[in-house]
């Protein structure tokens, strides 16, 4: 029941985290 959500949750979290880090770094570099 919770197998698919639990399995796909980490992938989505990692992807969002990677995007956030890239955006933060890009914005930080552009700002500075």
PDB file of N, CA and C in Angstrom:
ATOM      1  N   UNK A   1       0.847  -1.204   0.000  1.00  0.00           N
ATOM      2  CA  UNK A   1       0.000   0.000   0.000  1.00  0.00           C
ATOM      3  C   UNK A   1       0.883   1.254   0.000  1.00  0.00           C
ATOM      4  N   UNK A   2       1.783   1.335   0.953  1.00  0.00           N
ATOM      5  CA  UNK A   2       2.642   2.522   1.031  1.00  0.00           C
ATOM      6  C   UNK A   2       3.993   2.297   0.331  1.00  0.00           C
ATOM      7  N   UNK A   3       4.131   1.113  -0.281  1.00  0.00           N
ATOM      8  CA  UNK A   3       5.408   0.781  -0.931  1.00  0.00           C
ATOM      9  C   UNK A   3       5.753   1.782  -2.048  1.00  0.00           C
ATOM     10  N   UNK A   4       4.842   2.036  -3.006  1.00  0.00           N
ATOM     11  CA  UNK A   4       5.156   2.942  -4.124  1.00  0.00           C
ATOM     12  C   UNK A   4       5.498   4.340  -3.637  1.00  0.00           C
ATOM     13  N   UNK A   5       4.705   4.878  -2.738  1.00  0.00           N
ATOM     14  CA  UNK A   5       4.939   6.243  -2.253  1.00  0.00           C
ATOM     15  C   UNK A   5       6.285   6.309  -1.543  1.00  0.00           C
ATOM     16  N   UNK A   6       6.539   5.297  -0.704  1.00  0.00           N
ATOM     17  CA  UNK A   6       7.788   5.283   0.054  1.00  0.00           C
ATOM     18  C   UNK A   6       8.982   5.110  -0.883  1.00  0.00           C
ATOM     19  N   UNK A   7       8.753   4.409  -1.992  1.00  0.00           N
ATOM     20  CA  UNK A   7       9.847   4.153  -2.934  1.00  0.00           C
ATOM     21  C   UNK A   7      10.126   5.386  -3.793  1.00  0.00           C
ATOM     22  N   UNK A   8       9.067   6.082  -4.201  1.00  0.00           N
ATOM     23  CA  UNK A   8       9.240   7.236  -5.079  1.00  0.00           C
ATOM     24  C   UNK A   8       9.504   8.521  -4.290  1.00  0.00           C
ATOM     25  N   UNK A   9       9.239   8.482  -2.991  1.00  0.00           N
ATOM     26  CA  UNK A   9       9.427   9.677  -2.168  1.00  0.00           C
ATOM     27  C   UNK A   9      10.894  10.128  -2.160  1.00  0.00           C
ATOM     28  N   UNK A  10      11.839   9.226  -1.874  1.00  0.00           N
ATOM     29  CA  UNK A  10      13.252   9.617  -1.822  1.00  0.00           C
ATOM     30  C   UNK A  10      13.737  10.215  -3.133  1.00  0.00           C
ATOM     31  N   UNK A  11      13.344   9.616  -4.251  1.00  0.00           N
ATOM     32  CA  UNK A  11      13.800  10.112  -5.558  1.00  0.00           C
ATOM     33  C   UNK A  11      13.328  11.553  -5.749  1.00  0.00           C
ATOM     34  N   UNK A  12      12.056  11.791  -5.460  1.00  0.00           N
ATOM     35  CA  UNK A  12      11.497  13.136  -5.634  1.00  0.00           C
ATOM     36  C   UNK A  12      12.198  14.111  -4.696  1.00  0.00           C
ATOM     37  N   UNK A  13      12.433  13.665  -3.459  1.00  0.00           N
ATOM     38  CA  UNK A  13      13.077  14.536  -2.470  1.00  0.00           C
ATOM     39  C   UNK A  13      14.483  14.897  -2.933  1.00  0.00           C
ATOM     40  N   UNK A  14      15.227  13.897  -3.420  1.00  0.00           N
ATOM     41  CA  UNK A  14      16.594  14.143  -3.889  1.00  0.00           C
ATOM     42  C   UNK A  14      16.576  15.100  -5.072  1.00  0.00           C
ATOM     43  N   UNK A  15      15.632  14.877  -6.001  1.00  0.00           N
ATOM     44  CA  UNK A  15      15.555  15.731  -7.187  1.00  0.00           C
ATOM     45  C   UNK A  15      15.262  17.168  -6.778  1.00  0.00           C
ATOM     46  N   UNK A  16      14.280  17.344  -5.886  1.00  0.00           N
ATOM     47  CA  UNK A  16      13.923  18.695  -5.441  1.00  0.00           C
ATOM     48  C   UNK A  16      15.107  19.329  -4.716  1.00  0.00           C
ATOM     49  N   UNK A  17      15.774  18.531  -3.886  1.00  0.00           N
ATOM     50  CA  UNK A  17      16.921  19.052  -3.129  1.00  0.00           C
ATOM     51  C   UNK A  17      18.014  19.508  -4.100  1.00  0.00           C
ATOM     52  N   UNK A  18      18.302  18.682  -5.107  1.00  0.00           N
ATOM     53  CA  UNK A  18      19.328  19.032  -6.096  1.00  0.00           C
ATOM     54  C   UNK A  18      18.952  20.329  -6.812  1.00  0.00           C
ATOM     55  N   UNK A  19      17.676  20.438  -7.208  1.00  0.00           N
ATOM     56  CA  UNK A  19      17.213  21.646  -7.907  1.00  0.00           C
ATOM     57  C   UNK A  19      17.349  22.859  -6.988  1.00  0.00           C
ATOM     58  N   UNK A  20      16.964  22.685  -5.723  1.00  0.00           N
ATOM     59  CA  UNK A  20      17.049  23.790  -4.761  1.00  0.00           C
ATOM     60  C   UNK A  20      18.492  24.247  -4.599  1.00  0.00           C
ATOM     61  N   UNK A  21      19.417  23.274  -4.461  1.00  0.00           N
ATOM     62  CA  UNK A  21      20.832  23.612  -4.276  1.00  0.00           C
ATOM     63  C   UNK A  21      21.354  24.356  -5.499  1.00  0.00           C
ATOM     64  N   UNK A  22      21.010  23.846  -6.687  1.00  0.00           N
ATOM     65  CA  UNK A  22      21.478  24.487  -7.921  1.00  0.00           C
ATOM     66  C   UNK A  22      20.933  25.906  -8.031  1.00  0.00           C
ATOM     67  N   UNK A  23      19.653  26.076  -7.742  1.00  0.00           N
ATOM     68  CA  UNK A  23      19.036  27.400  -7.824  1.00  0.00           C
ATOM     69  C   UNK A  23      19.651  28.339  -6.796  1.00  0.00           C
ATOM     70  N   UNK A  24      19.839  27.820  -5.576  1.00  0.00           N
ATOM     71  CA  UNK A  24      20.414  28.645  -4.508  1.00  0.00           C
ATOM     72  C   UNK A  24      21.830  29.075  -4.897  1.00  0.00           C
ATOM     73  N   UNK A  25      22.622  28.135  -5.394  1.00  0.00           N
ATOM     74  CA  UNK A  25      24.003  28.448  -5.789  1.00  0.00           C
ATOM     75  C   UNK A  25      24.010  29.473  -6.927  1.00  0.00           C
ATOM     76  N   UNK A  26      23.156  29.255  -7.917  1.00  0.00           N
ATOM     77  CA  UNK A  26      23.097  30.157  -9.065  1.00  0.00           C
ATOM     78  C   UNK A  26      22.680  31.560  -8.613  1.00  0.00           C
ATOM     79  N   UNK A  27      21.640  31.619  -7.789  1.00  0.00           N
ATOM     80  CA  UNK A  27      21.146  32.913  -7.308  1.00  0.00           C
ATOM     81  C   UNK A  27      22.221  33.597  -6.457  1.00  0.00           C
ATOM     82  N   UNK A  28      22.872  32.806  -5.601  1.00  0.00           N
ATOM     83  CA  UNK A  28      23.920  33.355  -4.740  1.00  0.00           C
ATOM     84  C   UNK A  28      25.064  33.919  -5.572  1.00  0.00           C
ATOM     85  N   UNK A  29      25.467  33.174  -6.598  1.00  0.00           N
ATOM     86  CA  UNK A  29      26.572  33.627  -7.447  1.00  0.00           C
ATOM     87  C   UNK A  29      26.166  34.886  -8.203  1.00  0.00           C
ATOM     88  N   UNK A  30      24.930  34.906  -8.679  1.00  0.00           N
ATOM     89  CA  UNK A  30      24.459  36.060  -9.439  1.00  0.00           C
ATOM     90  C   UNK A  30      24.316  37.279  -8.526  1.00  0.00           C
ATOM     91  N   UNK A  31      23.817  37.020  -7.313  1.00  0.00           N
ATOM     92  CA  UNK A  31      23.612  38.121  -6.372  1.00  0.00           C
ATOM     93  C   UNK A  31      24.962  38.710  -5.962  1.00  0.00           C
ATOM     94  N   UNK A  32      25.908  37.814  -5.660  1.00  0.00           N
ATOM     95  CA  UNK A  32      27.233  38.266  -5.234  1.00  0.00           C
ATOM     96  C   UNK A  32      28.043  38.602  -6.490  1.00  0.00           C
TER      97      UNK A  32
END
